[in-house]
């Protein structure tokens, strides 16, 4: 699929002169800094060249990826230095950052957010060019991330204020507070590189942990504009970057035993391997968002128009490159023909093009190997009996990083697309007669993030909710799978997640309970009263959080 011959899809890529001024990069961004221990260190070693999934038309009629910059290809030495900086900044919980009051940490987060907002235009452009996300979606990701930070600040203030009381119970005086774990290794995904990374980094920070931050392989440069903000907003060693190949740097960090929390949004295979590297697995806290094969089950009494609309959006938003995407559709045999006809009609309306094209849905894929992976998956399904029902065989399926959306039918369990997460614009449709078929498939699947049920019958919905709620983290009724709103629990079962990442629960995930207690007698009462009145302890106090975000 990654050939260089001219084609109609190749013609969708622009010449340099055709790129709109508002999204054009003025020059490649050659990042030469690494953030370690509060300093932006100049990097003089090798760099990783970053090219865009957006190709550029050449004079000879072929295309080539646009060079957009480079970032440091650091080594285990720098990873170890970043780790030691984070360990020193935490200082067994006695460091400046973990010892701060929640009020003080919130003020640092607010300062960082203000500095981040100034760089919005630059970051949005880099999201577009690095991962091929449309301009509206890139802007939405930035804005949603800022909203997430502000909502996390509110929630952290509420959590702090809920734990102000000194409790007397069963002849004991006690005070409970949430305290940080220590050093957190944050690793985010390429598809929502800013938002998903910050859904672990921000709550970990605000609860007092120190951070090792490894950007995703695709979507690294967009963090360069934020490095100076991290330096200015936080004490030395609180946030440290880890660049370089994951296979080189991650083992060094995990095998040290000094990482207290692994916060990863990625694959279960990577998570399993990293956890096994830690010498104290019982001490390692893991907060993981992993693989998913979210299914839709369309019952014969479903509103077909609604189901089609939700399934198209759920399966193909951002090319289907979302962990919450609908990746397999089970449709009842009685309505499958009508459903498929309407599904094909809607899919064929989708516009394939560049991220700045008005109304575009399908854009270039960020992963260079993904087009061939998807082509092989489609070919294998066809070999085993499926058909591509939304376009004729002679219509090209893709060119370079662009892949046409593909509807496969009928799909069965002999095909890899039935079991494997495609993470791309392929919609497999599986016909069924007995509800046990999709329910059993979801039950036996190694994944358990979400499911969507489409039915207008409350008895049907009730039954299916009861059958599936123990298999997945969220059951969506007559709507696509999704993360929103962030106030809802976002987790999963089996190989799809470990821990929960709603705003409130993320704060709990990156903190643990600390209890100070004594026997209830006049002498101990006086000690507690004096500590609280004189505000002598950073831990044992009843200081209320007051911010403009509360």
Protein backbone atom coordinates (compact mmCIF):
# COMPACT_ATOMS: atom_id res chain seq x y z
CA UNK A 1 0.00 0.00 0.00
CA UNK A 2 2.91 2.37 0.65
CA UNK A 3 3.82 2.72 -3.02
CA UNK A 4 4.79 5.89 -4.84
CA UNK A 5 2.71 5.62 -7.99
CA UNK A 6 0.39 8.48 -8.79
CA UNK A 7 -3.28 7.84 -8.00
CA UNK A 8 -6.45 9.74 -7.24
CA UNK A 9 -5.84 9.31 -3.51
CA UNK A 10 -2.30 10.57 -3.94
CA UNK A 11 -3.86 13.68 -5.40
CA UNK A 12 -5.45 14.40 -2.03
CA UNK A 13 -2.03 15.29 -0.63
CA UNK A 14 -1.08 18.98 -1.06
CA UNK A 15 1.81 20.80 -2.61
CA UNK A 16 3.56 23.12 -0.17
CA UNK A 17 1.90 26.12 -1.75
CA UNK A 18 -1.56 24.59 -1.16
CA UNK A 19 -1.19 24.40 2.63
CA UNK A 20 -3.34 27.09 4.32
CA UNK A 21 -1.32 29.81 6.02
CA UNK A 22 -3.09 29.37 9.36
CA UNK A 23 -1.86 25.79 9.79
CA UNK A 24 1.48 25.99 8.01
CA UNK A 25 4.59 25.37 10.12
CA UNK A 26 7.04 28.25 9.75
CA UNK A 27 10.01 25.89 10.02
CA UNK A 28 10.81 22.40 11.30
CA UNK A 29 11.07 22.17 15.09
CA UNK A 30 14.44 20.68 15.99
CA UNK A 31 14.14 20.12 19.72
CA UNK A 32 17.52 20.30 21.46
CA UNK A 33 16.49 20.30 25.12
CA UNK A 34 15.76 17.69 27.77
CA UNK A 35 14.08 18.66 31.05
CA UNK A 36 15.91 17.13 34.01
CA UNK A 37 15.99 18.47 37.58
CA UNK A 38 14.46 21.81 36.71
CA UNK A 39 16.89 22.56 33.89
CA UNK A 40 16.49 22.53 30.12
CA UNK A 41 19.70 20.73 29.22
CA UNK A 42 21.06 21.22 25.74
CA UNK A 43 21.20 17.94 23.86
CA UNK A 44 24.15 17.38 21.54
CA UNK A 45 23.65 13.70 20.85
CA UNK A 46 21.70 11.89 18.11
CA UNK A 47 18.10 12.85 17.35
CA UNK A 48 15.03 11.09 16.03
CA UNK A 49 13.78 12.62 12.80
CA UNK A 50 10.04 13.33 12.78
CA UNK A 51 8.11 13.28 9.53
CA UNK A 52 4.42 13.96 9.18
CA UNK A 53 1.87 11.38 8.01
CA UNK A 54 0.82 14.20 5.68
CA UNK A 55 2.72 13.76 2.42
CA UNK A 56 3.68 16.59 0.09
CA UNK A 57 3.37 16.57 -3.70
CA UNK A 58 6.67 16.66 -5.59
CA UNK A 59 7.27 18.02 -9.08
CA UNK A 60 7.55 14.51 -10.55
CA UNK A 61 4.02 13.61 -9.41
CA UNK A 62 5.06 11.47 -6.44
CA UNK A 63 4.71 12.38 -2.77
CA UNK A 64 6.92 12.26 0.30
CA UNK A 65 6.33 12.81 4.03
CA UNK A 66 7.01 16.35 5.23
CA UNK A 67 9.92 16.81 7.64
CA UNK A 68 8.57 18.56 10.72
CA UNK A 69 11.48 18.30 13.13
CA UNK A 70 13.40 16.06 15.49
CA UNK A 71 13.71 15.29 19.20
CA UNK A 72 16.55 13.96 21.38
CA UNK A 73 17.34 10.28 21.11
CA UNK A 74 18.57 10.12 24.68
CA UNK A 75 20.14 7.12 26.39
CA UNK A 76 19.90 5.19 29.64
CA UNK A 77 22.31 7.73 31.18
CA UNK A 78 19.80 10.56 30.83
CA UNK A 79 16.96 8.28 31.95
CA UNK A 80 18.88 7.46 35.13
CA UNK A 81 19.60 11.15 35.75
CA UNK A 82 15.91 11.98 35.35
CA UNK A 83 15.01 9.18 37.75
CA UNK A 84 17.48 10.36 40.38
CA UNK A 85 16.14 13.90 40.06
CA UNK A 86 12.58 12.69 40.67
CA UNK A 87 13.67 10.51 43.61
CA UNK A 88 15.59 13.41 45.15
CA UNK A 89 12.69 15.83 44.67
CA UNK A 90 10.34 13.42 46.43
CA UNK A 91 12.93 12.66 49.14
CA UNK A 92 10.87 9.90 50.76
CA UNK A 93 7.94 12.28 51.05
CA UNK A 94 9.96 15.05 52.72
CA UNK A 95 10.72 17.02 49.55
CA UNK A 96 9.42 20.48 48.85
CA UNK A 97 6.65 19.34 46.49
CA UNK A 98 5.11 16.48 48.52
CA UNK A 99 5.38 18.59 51.69
CA UNK A 100 3.43 21.49 50.19
CA UNK A 101 -0.16 22.10 51.12
CA UNK A 102 -2.79 21.29 48.53
CA UNK A 103 -3.43 25.03 48.25
CA UNK A 104 0.19 25.65 47.22
CA UNK A 105 0.26 22.81 44.69
CA UNK A 106 -2.96 24.06 43.13
CA UNK A 107 -1.39 27.51 42.69
CA UNK A 108 1.52 25.92 40.81
CA UNK A 109 -0.93 24.03 38.56
CA UNK A 110 -2.84 27.24 37.85
CA UNK A 111 0.41 28.97 36.92
CA UNK A 112 1.29 26.12 34.55
CA UNK A 113 -2.15 26.23 32.93
CA UNK A 114 -1.85 29.95 32.24
CA UNK A 115 1.51 29.38 30.56
CA UNK A 116 0.09 26.46 28.58
CA UNK A 117 -2.77 28.57 27.21
CA UNK A 118 -0.29 31.00 25.68
CA UNK A 119 1.12 28.16 23.53
CA UNK A 120 -2.21 26.84 22.24
CA UNK A 121 -1.78 27.74 18.56
CA UNK A 122 1.67 26.16 18.40
CA UNK A 123 0.58 22.97 20.15
CA UNK A 124 -2.54 22.59 17.99
CA UNK A 125 -0.45 22.87 14.82
CA UNK A 126 1.94 20.21 16.05
CA UNK A 127 -0.93 17.84 16.90
CA UNK A 128 -2.23 18.26 13.34
CA UNK A 129 1.12 17.69 11.68
CA UNK A 130 2.39 14.90 13.95
CA UNK A 131 -0.65 12.64 14.06
CA UNK A 132 -2.94 13.90 11.28
CA UNK A 133 -5.78 14.99 13.55
CA UNK A 134 -8.23 17.50 12.05
CA UNK A 135 -7.87 21.12 13.16
CA UNK A 136 -11.23 21.14 15.03
CA UNK A 137 -10.35 17.89 16.82
CA UNK A 138 -6.85 19.13 17.70
CA UNK A 139 -8.34 22.33 19.13
CA UNK A 140 -10.92 20.27 21.01
CA UNK A 141 -8.17 18.08 22.48
CA UNK A 142 -6.28 21.13 23.73
CA UNK A 143 -9.40 22.78 25.19
CA UNK A 144 -10.57 19.56 26.80
CA UNK A 145 -7.15 19.14 28.41
CA UNK A 146 -7.33 22.62 29.92
CA UNK A 147 -10.85 21.86 31.16
CA UNK A 148 -9.55 18.61 32.65
CA UNK A 149 -6.83 20.46 34.57
CA UNK A 150 -9.35 22.97 35.93
CA UNK A 151 -11.80 20.24 36.95
CA UNK A 152 -8.98 18.29 38.59
CA UNK A 153 -8.05 21.38 40.59
CA UNK A 154 -11.66 21.68 41.78
CA UNK A 155 -11.82 17.99 42.70
CA UNK A 156 -8.49 18.11 44.53
CA UNK A 157 -9.73 21.05 46.58
CA UNK A 158 -12.92 19.18 47.47
CA UNK A 159 -10.95 16.05 48.40
CA UNK A 160 -8.66 18.06 50.64
CA UNK A 161 -11.55 19.82 52.35
CA UNK A 162 -13.42 16.57 52.94
CA UNK A 163 -10.47 15.34 54.99
CA UNK A 164 -10.19 18.29 57.36
CA UNK A 165 -12.05 16.78 60.29
CA UNK A 166 -10.35 15.22 63.28
CA UNK A 167 -12.47 12.18 64.13
CA UNK A 168 -13.06 10.73 67.61
CA UNK A 169 -14.17 7.10 67.46
CA UNK A 170 -14.05 4.15 69.87
CA UNK A 171 -11.80 6.03 72.32
CA UNK A 172 -9.34 7.10 69.59
CA UNK A 173 -8.58 10.45 68.00
CA UNK A 174 -7.66 10.21 64.32
CA UNK A 175 -7.01 12.25 61.21
CA UNK A 176 -6.98 10.77 57.68
CA UNK A 177 -5.41 12.38 54.61
CA UNK A 178 -4.47 11.33 51.09
CA UNK A 179 -0.70 11.44 50.50
CA UNK A 180 1.40 10.72 47.38
CA UNK A 181 3.07 7.44 46.48
CA UNK A 182 6.36 8.83 45.20
CA UNK A 183 7.84 8.68 41.70
CA UNK A 184 5.37 8.20 38.84
CA UNK A 185 6.36 7.12 35.33
CA UNK A 186 3.80 8.59 32.90
CA UNK A 187 3.58 7.16 29.38
CA UNK A 188 0.80 8.38 27.10
CA UNK A 189 -0.59 7.26 23.71
CA UNK A 190 -0.18 8.84 20.28
CA UNK A 191 -3.88 9.16 19.44
CA UNK A 192 -4.62 11.67 22.22
CA UNK A 193 -1.05 12.58 23.07
CA UNK A 194 -1.83 15.71 25.07
CA UNK A 195 -5.13 14.85 26.71
CA UNK A 196 -4.56 11.21 27.62
CA UNK A 197 -1.04 11.89 28.90
CA UNK A 198 -2.30 14.69 31.13
CA UNK A 199 -5.14 12.54 32.53
CA UNK A 200 -2.43 10.69 34.46
CA UNK A 201 0.27 13.36 34.78
CA UNK A 202 -1.95 16.10 36.22
CA UNK A 203 -3.66 14.11 39.02
CA UNK A 204 -0.32 12.50 39.89
CA UNK A 205 1.26 15.95 40.18
CA UNK A 206 -1.48 17.62 42.17
CA UNK A 207 -1.45 14.83 44.76
CA UNK A 208 2.25 15.48 45.42
CA UNK A 209 4.05 12.85 43.36
CA UNK A 210 7.14 13.61 41.26
CA UNK A 211 7.05 12.76 37.58
CA UNK A 212 9.05 10.94 34.92
CA UNK A 213 7.34 11.83 31.68
CA UNK A 214 7.96 9.85 28.48
CA UNK A 215 6.12 11.29 25.46
CA UNK A 216 4.61 8.88 22.92
CA UNK A 217 6.64 7.90 19.85
CA UNK A 218 4.20 9.74 17.57
CA UNK A 219 3.21 13.04 19.16
CA UNK A 220 6.44 13.99 20.89
CA UNK A 221 7.23 17.43 19.47
CA UNK A 222 3.94 18.94 20.65
CA UNK A 223 5.27 18.83 24.22
CA UNK A 224 8.35 20.92 23.36
CA UNK A 225 6.45 24.23 23.80
CA UNK A 226 5.51 23.13 27.34
CA UNK A 227 8.99 22.29 28.65
CA UNK A 228 9.73 25.87 29.69
CA UNK A 229 6.36 26.10 31.41
CA UNK A 230 7.19 22.98 33.45
CA UNK A 231 10.51 24.57 34.46
CA UNK A 232 8.91 27.85 35.52
CA UNK A 233 5.83 26.42 37.26
CA UNK A 234 7.26 23.59 39.36
CA UNK A 235 10.18 23.09 41.76
CA UNK A 236 13.35 21.36 40.58
CA UNK A 237 12.99 17.66 39.89
CA UNK A 238 9.20 17.57 40.12
CA UNK A 239 8.73 17.04 36.36
CA UNK A 240 11.45 15.32 34.32
CA UNK A 241 11.35 14.18 30.68
CA UNK A 242 12.54 10.85 29.37
CA UNK A 243 13.41 10.77 25.68
CA UNK A 244 14.85 7.95 23.63
CA UNK A 245 13.78 4.50 22.56
CA UNK A 246 11.39 2.89 25.02
CA UNK A 247 13.14 -0.45 24.75
CA UNK A 248 16.32 1.23 26.01
CA UNK A 249 15.07 3.65 28.66
CA UNK A 250 12.01 1.94 30.18
CA UNK A 251 13.84 -1.17 31.45
CA UNK A 252 16.43 1.03 33.15
CA UNK A 253 13.71 2.90 35.02
CA UNK A 254 11.63 -0.11 36.00
CA UNK A 255 14.52 -2.39 36.97
CA UNK A 256 15.79 0.26 39.37
CA UNK A 257 12.83 -0.43 41.66
CA UNK A 258 12.59 3.32 42.27
CA UNK A 259 9.44 3.87 40.22
CA UNK A 260 6.48 3.74 42.60
CA UNK A 261 3.63 4.11 40.09
CA UNK A 262 3.43 3.06 36.44
CA UNK A 263 0.86 5.20 34.61
CA UNK A 264 0.55 3.86 31.08
CA UNK A 265 -2.05 4.28 28.38
CA UNK A 266 -1.08 1.83 25.66
CA UNK A 267 -0.97 -1.89 25.03
CA UNK A 268 -1.41 -4.66 27.58
CA UNK A 269 1.67 -6.39 26.16
CA UNK A 270 3.86 -3.39 26.98
CA UNK A 271 2.26 -2.99 30.41
CA UNK A 272 2.84 -6.66 31.28
CA UNK A 273 6.49 -6.51 30.26
CA UNK A 274 7.16 -3.31 32.22
CA UNK A 275 5.50 -4.60 35.38
CA UNK A 276 7.59 -7.78 35.25
CA UNK A 277 10.79 -5.72 35.15
CA UNK A 278 10.13 -4.15 38.55
CA UNK A 279 11.99 -6.00 41.34
CA UNK A 280 9.29 -5.16 43.91
CA UNK A 281 6.09 -5.95 42.05
CA UNK A 282 4.03 -5.90 45.25
CA UNK A 283 5.12 -2.28 45.83
CA UNK A 284 4.45 -1.11 42.29
CA UNK A 285 1.13 0.68 41.82
CA UNK A 286 -0.20 0.46 38.24
CA UNK A 287 -2.72 2.79 36.62
CA UNK A 288 -3.32 1.45 33.14
CA UNK A 289 -5.57 2.18 30.15
CA UNK A 290 -5.00 -0.62 27.66
CA UNK A 291 -6.36 -2.46 24.61
CA UNK A 292 -10.04 -2.64 23.74
CA UNK A 293 -12.31 -4.35 21.22
CA UNK A 294 -15.50 -2.46 22.00
CA UNK A 295 -18.60 -3.96 20.44
CA UNK A 296 -22.00 -2.69 19.40
CA UNK A 297 -24.96 -5.05 19.59
CA UNK A 298 -27.83 -3.95 17.36
CA UNK A 299 -31.07 -5.71 18.26
CA UNK A 300 -34.00 -6.23 15.84
CA UNK A 301 -36.08 -3.62 17.69
CA UNK A 302 -33.36 -0.94 17.45
CA UNK A 303 -33.87 2.47 15.89
CA UNK A 304 -31.74 1.65 12.83
CA UNK A 305 -31.12 5.24 11.79
CA UNK A 306 -29.89 6.11 15.27
CA UNK A 307 -27.79 2.95 15.50
CA UNK A 308 -26.14 3.64 12.14
CA UNK A 309 -25.37 7.25 13.08
CA UNK A 310 -23.82 6.27 16.41
CA UNK A 311 -21.91 3.32 14.95
CA UNK A 312 -20.36 5.39 12.15
CA UNK A 313 -19.26 8.08 14.59
CA UNK A 314 -18.13 5.49 17.12
CA UNK A 315 -16.17 3.41 14.62
CA UNK A 316 -14.60 6.10 12.41
CA UNK A 317 -14.05 9.28 14.45
CA UNK A 318 -10.34 10.09 14.11
CA UNK A 319 -9.99 7.15 11.72
CA UNK A 320 -11.10 4.69 14.41
CA UNK A 321 -7.84 5.39 16.27
CA UNK A 322 -9.42 5.60 19.71
CA UNK A 323 -9.36 3.03 22.50
CA UNK A 324 -13.10 3.73 22.95
CA UNK A 325 -13.87 3.24 19.24
CA UNK A 326 -16.47 0.68 18.20
CA UNK A 327 -14.32 -2.03 16.66
CA UNK A 328 -16.91 -4.72 15.89
CA UNK A 329 -20.65 -4.54 15.19
CA UNK A 330 -23.00 -7.44 15.96
CA UNK A 331 -26.23 -6.91 14.01
CA UNK A 332 -29.31 -9.13 14.23
CA UNK A 333 -29.97 -11.16 11.11
CA UNK A 334 -33.53 -9.82 10.78
CA UNK A 335 -32.31 -6.25 10.18
CA UNK A 336 -28.73 -6.71 8.96
CA UNK A 337 -29.50 -6.02 5.29
CA UNK A 338 -31.30 -2.77 6.05
CA UNK A 339 -28.66 -1.79 8.59
CA UNK A 340 -25.81 -2.49 6.14
CA UNK A 341 -27.47 -0.51 3.35
CA UNK A 342 -27.80 2.56 5.60
CA UNK A 343 -24.34 2.00 7.09
CA UNK A 344 -22.74 1.92 3.63
CA UNK A 345 -24.65 5.04 2.60
CA UNK A 346 -23.34 6.98 5.60
CA UNK A 347 -19.77 5.67 5.34
CA UNK A 348 -19.62 6.58 1.66
CA UNK A 349 -20.53 10.17 2.56
CA UNK A 350 -17.40 10.55 4.69
CA UNK A 351 -14.76 12.82 3.28
CA UNK A 352 -11.17 11.59 2.96
CA UNK A 353 -8.54 14.31 2.93
CA UNK A 354 -6.22 16.62 4.81
CA UNK A 355 -6.80 17.75 8.42
CA UNK A 356 -7.57 21.31 7.33
CA UNK A 357 -10.16 20.34 4.68
CA UNK A 358 -13.64 21.41 5.71
CA UNK A 359 -15.82 18.48 6.76
CA UNK A 360 -13.04 15.90 6.48
CA UNK A 361 -13.36 12.74 8.59
CA UNK A 362 -10.67 10.36 7.34
CA UNK A 363 -7.14 11.77 7.54
CA UNK A 364 -3.59 10.35 7.19
CA UNK A 365 -2.65 7.68 9.72
CA UNK A 366 0.19 8.49 12.12
CA UNK A 367 1.70 4.99 12.30
CA UNK A 368 3.79 4.26 9.16
CA UNK A 369 3.13 0.50 9.27
CA UNK A 370 -0.61 0.80 9.89
CA UNK A 371 -1.82 0.93 6.24
CA UNK A 372 -0.13 -2.36 5.39
CA UNK A 373 -1.37 -3.92 8.65
CA UNK A 374 -4.95 -2.94 7.81
CA UNK A 375 -4.63 -4.08 4.18
CA UNK A 376 -3.45 -7.50 5.33
CA UNK A 377 -6.30 -7.73 7.82
CA UNK A 378 -8.87 -6.95 5.11
CA UNK A 379 -7.26 -9.40 2.67
CA UNK A 380 -7.36 -12.20 5.24
CA UNK A 381 -11.04 -11.52 5.99
CA UNK A 382 -11.89 -11.62 2.27
CA UNK A 383 -10.00 -14.88 1.89
CA UNK A 384 -12.15 -16.36 4.67
CA UNK A 385 -15.49 -15.24 3.24
CA UNK A 386 -16.05 -11.56 4.00
CA UNK A 387 -16.79 -8.91 1.37
CA UNK A 388 -16.03 -5.20 1.19
CA UNK A 389 -19.57 -3.87 0.84
CA UNK A 390 -19.04 -0.11 0.75
CA UNK A 391 -16.96 0.16 -2.43
CA UNK A 392 -16.12 -1.81 -5.56
CA UNK A 393 -12.98 -3.97 -5.59
CA UNK A 394 -11.38 -1.84 -8.32
CA UNK A 395 -11.57 1.30 -6.15
CA UNK A 396 -8.23 1.83 -4.46
CA UNK A 397 -8.20 1.11 -0.73
CA UNK A 398 -5.43 3.53 0.09
CA UNK A 399 -2.29 5.40 -0.78
CA UNK A 400 0.69 6.02 1.50
CA UNK A 401 -0.78 7.06 4.88
CA UNK A 402 -4.36 7.50 3.61
CA UNK A 403 -6.73 4.54 3.98
CA UNK A 404 -10.32 4.44 2.71
CA UNK A 405 -12.91 3.44 5.35
CA UNK A 406 -13.84 -0.19 4.81
CA UNK A 407 -17.00 -2.09 5.80
CA UNK A 408 -16.53 -5.87 5.96
CA UNK A 409 -19.45 -8.32 5.93
CA UNK A 410 -20.11 -11.05 6.92
CA UNK A 411 -17.36 -11.36 9.51
CA UNK A 412 -16.90 -14.50 11.62
CA UNK A 413 -14.67 -15.83 14.38
CA UNK A 414 -12.21 -17.41 11.92
CA UNK A 415 -10.96 -13.95 10.93
CA UNK A 416 -8.35 -11.94 12.85
CA UNK A 417 -10.52 -8.80 12.54
CA UNK A 418 -13.08 -10.57 14.75
CA UNK A 419 -10.62 -10.86 17.64
CA UNK A 420 -7.87 -8.30 17.11
CA UNK A 421 -8.02 -4.56 17.68
CA UNK A 422 -7.62 -2.88 14.28
CA UNK A 423 -7.16 0.71 15.50
CA UNK A 424 -8.01 2.02 12.05
CA UNK A 425 -10.94 2.74 9.69
CA UNK A 426 -12.31 -0.80 9.26
CA UNK A 427 -15.84 -1.72 10.36
CA UNK A 428 -16.45 -5.47 10.72
CA UNK A 429 -20.14 -6.44 10.77
CA UNK A 430 -21.12 -9.79 12.30
CA UNK A 431 -24.65 -11.15 11.78
CA UNK A 432 -26.30 -13.07 14.62
CA UNK A 433 -29.61 -14.77 15.38
CA UNK A 434 -29.27 -15.70 19.04
CA UNK A 435 -28.22 -13.06 21.57
CA UNK A 436 -25.96 -15.64 23.22
CA UNK A 437 -23.58 -15.33 20.28
CA UNK A 438 -22.41 -11.71 20.84
CA UNK A 439 -22.75 -12.00 24.62
CA UNK A 440 -20.56 -15.11 24.70
CA UNK A 441 -18.02 -13.48 22.38
CA UNK A 442 -17.73 -10.44 24.62
CA UNK A 443 -17.56 -12.64 27.71
CA UNK A 444 -14.77 -14.79 26.26
CA UNK A 445 -12.83 -11.82 24.85
CA UNK A 446 -9.64 -10.81 26.68
CA UNK A 447 -10.87 -7.21 26.47
CA UNK A 448 -13.51 -5.55 28.61
CA UNK A 449 -13.63 -1.80 28.24
CA UNK A 450 -17.11 -0.89 26.92
CA UNK A 451 -20.07 -2.10 24.90
CA UNK A 452 -22.94 -0.33 23.12
CA UNK A 453 -26.48 -1.75 23.11
CA UNK A 454 -29.06 -0.59 20.57
CA UNK A 455 -32.70 -1.45 21.38
CA UNK A 456 -35.97 0.41 21.92
CA UNK A 457 -37.32 -2.26 24.28
CA UNK A 458 -36.64 -1.61 27.95
CA UNK A 459 -36.90 -5.32 28.79
CA UNK A 460 -34.25 -6.15 26.18
CA UNK A 461 -31.98 -3.38 27.44
CA UNK A 462 -32.47 -4.48 31.04
CA UNK A 463 -31.56 -8.08 30.23
CA UNK A 464 -28.47 -7.13 28.26
CA UNK A 465 -27.24 -4.70 30.88
CA UNK A 466 -27.41 -7.50 33.44
CA UNK A 467 -25.60 -9.92 31.09
CA UNK A 468 -22.78 -7.55 30.18
CA UNK A 469 -22.14 -5.19 33.09
CA UNK A 470 -19.73 -7.65 34.71
CA UNK A 471 -17.77 -8.04 31.46
CA UNK A 472 -17.01 -4.39 30.67
CA UNK A 473 -16.40 -1.14 32.50
CA UNK A 474 -19.26 0.76 30.85
CA UNK A 475 -22.48 -0.22 29.08
CA UNK A 476 -23.75 2.45 26.66
CA UNK A 477 -27.44 2.38 25.77
CA UNK A 478 -28.35 3.65 22.28
CA UNK A 479 -25.08 5.57 22.05
CA UNK A 480 -21.50 4.98 20.96
CA UNK A 481 -18.72 4.02 23.35
CA UNK A 482 -16.84 7.04 24.72
CA UNK A 483 -14.94 8.43 27.65
CA UNK A 484 -17.00 11.58 28.25
CA UNK A 485 -17.85 13.04 30.63
CA UNK A 486 -14.67 12.91 32.73
CA UNK A 487 -16.80 12.86 35.87
CA UNK A 488 -17.87 9.29 34.95
CA UNK A 489 -15.63 6.39 35.89
CA UNK A 490 -13.35 5.43 33.00
CA UNK A 491 -11.86 2.00 33.41
CA UNK A 492 -12.29 -1.53 32.18
CA UNK A 493 -12.01 -5.20 32.95
CA UNK A 494 -9.66 -8.00 31.96
CA UNK A 495 -6.81 -6.77 29.69
CA UNK A 496 -8.40 -3.37 29.05
CA UNK A 497 -7.47 -1.46 32.20
CA UNK A 498 -6.12 -1.43 35.72
CA UNK A 499 -7.47 1.36 37.88
CA UNK A 500 -10.08 4.00 37.10
CA UNK A 501 -9.50 7.40 35.54
CA UNK A 502 -12.45 9.63 36.25
CA UNK A 503 -11.31 12.94 37.67
CA UNK A 504 -12.08 12.08 41.30
CA UNK A 505 -10.88 8.48 41.09
CA UNK A 506 -7.63 9.46 39.37
CA UNK A 507 -6.78 11.55 42.42
CA UNK A 508 -7.36 8.49 44.58
CA UNK A 509 -5.36 6.29 42.19
CA UNK A 510 -2.26 8.46 42.64
CA UNK A 511 -2.51 8.76 46.40
CA UNK A 512 -2.79 6.53 49.43
CA UNK A 513 -4.23 6.92 52.92
CA UNK A 514 -2.24 8.30 55.82
CA UNK A 515 -3.76 8.08 59.30
CA UNK A 516 -2.49 9.85 62.40
CA UNK A 517 -4.12 8.43 65.56
CA UNK A 518 -3.83 8.46 69.31
CA UNK A 519 -5.84 7.35 72.32
CA UNK A 520 -8.54 9.75 73.36
CA UNK A 521 -7.43 11.32 76.64
CA UNK A 522 -6.91 14.93 77.83
CA UNK A 523 -3.15 14.88 77.28
CA UNK A 524 -3.38 13.65 73.69
CA UNK A 525 -6.28 15.99 72.96
CA UNK A 526 -4.06 18.89 74.07
CA UNK A 527 -1.22 17.73 71.79
CA UNK A 528 -3.54 17.56 68.76
CA UNK A 529 -5.10 20.92 69.60
CA UNK A 530 -1.72 22.65 69.95
CA UNK A 531 -0.41 21.22 66.65
CA UNK A 532 -3.54 22.35 64.82
CA UNK A 533 -3.74 25.76 66.51
CA UNK A 534 -0.08 26.56 65.91
CA UNK A 535 -0.15 25.03 62.40
CA UNK A 536 3.05 23.17 63.18
CA UNK A 537 2.67 20.20 60.85
CA UNK A 538 2.44 20.03 57.07
CA UNK A 539 0.71 16.67 57.45
CA UNK A 540 -1.47 17.11 60.55
CA UNK A 541 -3.46 20.23 59.80
CA UNK A 542 -6.93 21.35 58.84
CA UNK A 543 -6.02 23.96 56.23
CA UNK A 544 -8.90 24.55 53.85
CA UNK A 545 -8.31 25.00 50.10
CA UNK A 546 -9.65 28.27 48.73
CA UNK A 547 -9.23 28.81 45.01
CA UNK A 548 -11.15 30.55 42.25
CA UNK A 549 -11.74 27.08 40.79
CA UNK A 550 -13.73 25.83 43.81
